[in-house]
C-alpha atoms as a PDB file:
ATOM      1  CA  MET A   1     -15.356 -21.506 200.829  1.00  0.00           C
ATOM      2  CA  SER A   2     -12.543 -19.118 200.189  1.00  0.00           C
ATOM      3  CA  GLU A   3     -12.967 -15.484 199.232  1.00  0.00           C
ATOM      4  CA  GLU A   4     -10.894 -15.964 196.066  1.00  0.00           C
ATOM      5  CA  ASN A   5     -13.682 -17.878 194.332  1.00  0.00           C
ATOM      6  CA  ASN A   6     -16.172 -15.036 194.854  1.00  0.00           C
ATOM      7  CA  LEU A   7     -14.016 -12.326 193.250  1.00  0.00           C
ATOM      8  CA  PRO A   8     -15.103 -11.346 189.730  1.00  0.00           C
ATOM      9  CA  LYS A   9     -12.624 -11.758 186.923  1.00  0.00           C
ATOM     10  CA  PRO A  10     -11.026  -8.481 185.809  1.00  0.00           C
ATOM     11  CA  GLU A  11     -12.518  -7.219 182.563  1.00  0.00           C
ATOM     12  CA  ARG A  12     -10.369  -7.472 179.467  1.00  0.00           C
ATOM     13  CA  ILE A  13      -9.529  -4.029 178.058  1.00  0.00           C
ATOM     14  CA  PRO A  14     -10.520  -3.744 174.374  1.00  0.00           C
ATOM     15  CA  PHE A  15      -7.731  -3.525 171.789  1.00  0.00           C
ATOM     16  CA  PHE A  16      -8.603  -0.043 170.498  1.00  0.00           C
ATOM     17  CA  GLN A  17      -8.784   1.374 174.013  1.00  0.00           C
ATOM     18  CA  ARG A  18      -5.331  -0.023 174.777  1.00  0.00           C
ATOM     19  CA  MET A  19      -4.058   1.410 171.485  1.00  0.00           C
ATOM     20  CA  LEU A  20      -5.529   4.864 172.094  1.00  0.00           C
ATOM     21  CA  ASP A  21      -4.173   4.939 175.661  1.00  0.00           C
ATOM     22  CA  ASN A  22      -0.582   4.583 174.405  1.00  0.00           C
ATOM     23  CA  PRO A  23       0.788   8.083 173.619  1.00  0.00           C
ATOM     24  CA  PHE A  24       3.990   6.793 171.999  1.00  0.00           C
ATOM     25  CA  LEU A  25       2.052   4.607 169.593  1.00  0.00           C
ATOM     26  CA  LEU A  26      -0.173   7.569 168.694  1.00  0.00           C
ATOM     27  CA  LEU A  27       2.918   9.717 168.139  1.00  0.00           C
ATOM     28  CA  PHE A  28       4.448   7.071 165.876  1.00  0.00           C
ATOM     29  CA  ILE A  29       1.218   6.713 163.880  1.00  0.00           C
ATOM     30  CA  GLY A  30       0.880  10.497 163.632  1.00  0.00           C
ATOM     31  CA  VAL A  31       4.371  10.804 162.142  1.00  0.00           C
ATOM     32  CA  ALA A  32       4.460   7.617 160.072  1.00  0.00           C
ATOM     33  CA  MET A  33       1.096   7.891 158.306  1.00  0.00           C
ATOM     34  CA  PRO A  34       1.643  11.351 156.729  1.00  0.00           C
ATOM     35  CA  THR A  35       5.192  10.343 155.786  1.00  0.00           C
ATOM     36  CA  VAL A  36       3.963   7.250 153.967  1.00  0.00           C
ATOM     37  CA  PHE A  37       1.089   9.075 152.261  1.00  0.00           C
ATOM     38  CA  TYR A  38       3.207  12.026 151.104  1.00  0.00           C
ATOM     39  CA  THR A  39       5.940   9.691 149.864  1.00  0.00           C
ATOM     40  CA  LEU A  40       3.429   7.651 147.865  1.00  0.00           C
ATOM     41  CA  TRP A  41       1.836  10.839 146.565  1.00  0.00           C
ATOM     42  CA  GLY A  42       5.267  12.116 145.441  1.00  0.00           C
ATOM     43  CA  VAL A  43       6.115   8.850 143.709  1.00  0.00           C
ATOM     44  CA  MET A  44       2.764   8.915 141.885  1.00  0.00           C
ATOM     45  CA  GLU A  45       3.368  12.532 140.801  1.00  0.00           C
ATOM     46  CA  VAL A  46       6.841  11.723 139.463  1.00  0.00           C
ATOM     47  CA  ALA A  47       5.521   8.634 137.675  1.00  0.00           C
ATOM     48  CA  THR A  48       2.829  10.653 135.905  1.00  0.00           C
ATOM     49  CA  LEU A  49       5.158  13.417 134.660  1.00  0.00           C
ATOM     50  CA  PRO A  50       5.388  13.504 130.871  1.00  0.00           C
ATOM     51  CA  ILE A  51       8.755  12.644 129.370  1.00  0.00           C
ATOM     52  CA  ALA A  52      10.717  15.709 128.175  1.00  0.00           C
ATOM     53  CA  LYS A  53      11.605  16.019 124.528  1.00  0.00           C
END
């Protein structure tokens, strides 16, 4: 028998571990999420302003 058959399969890295190990993805999320939330918050504030007389 060959040695290749006795080697264990490499474990699959979970999705969230791969995501958290990527510093550029974390940087993008850290910049994009507040931008989206503050933009939505601003739009909601402008939409709720009373109309001037």
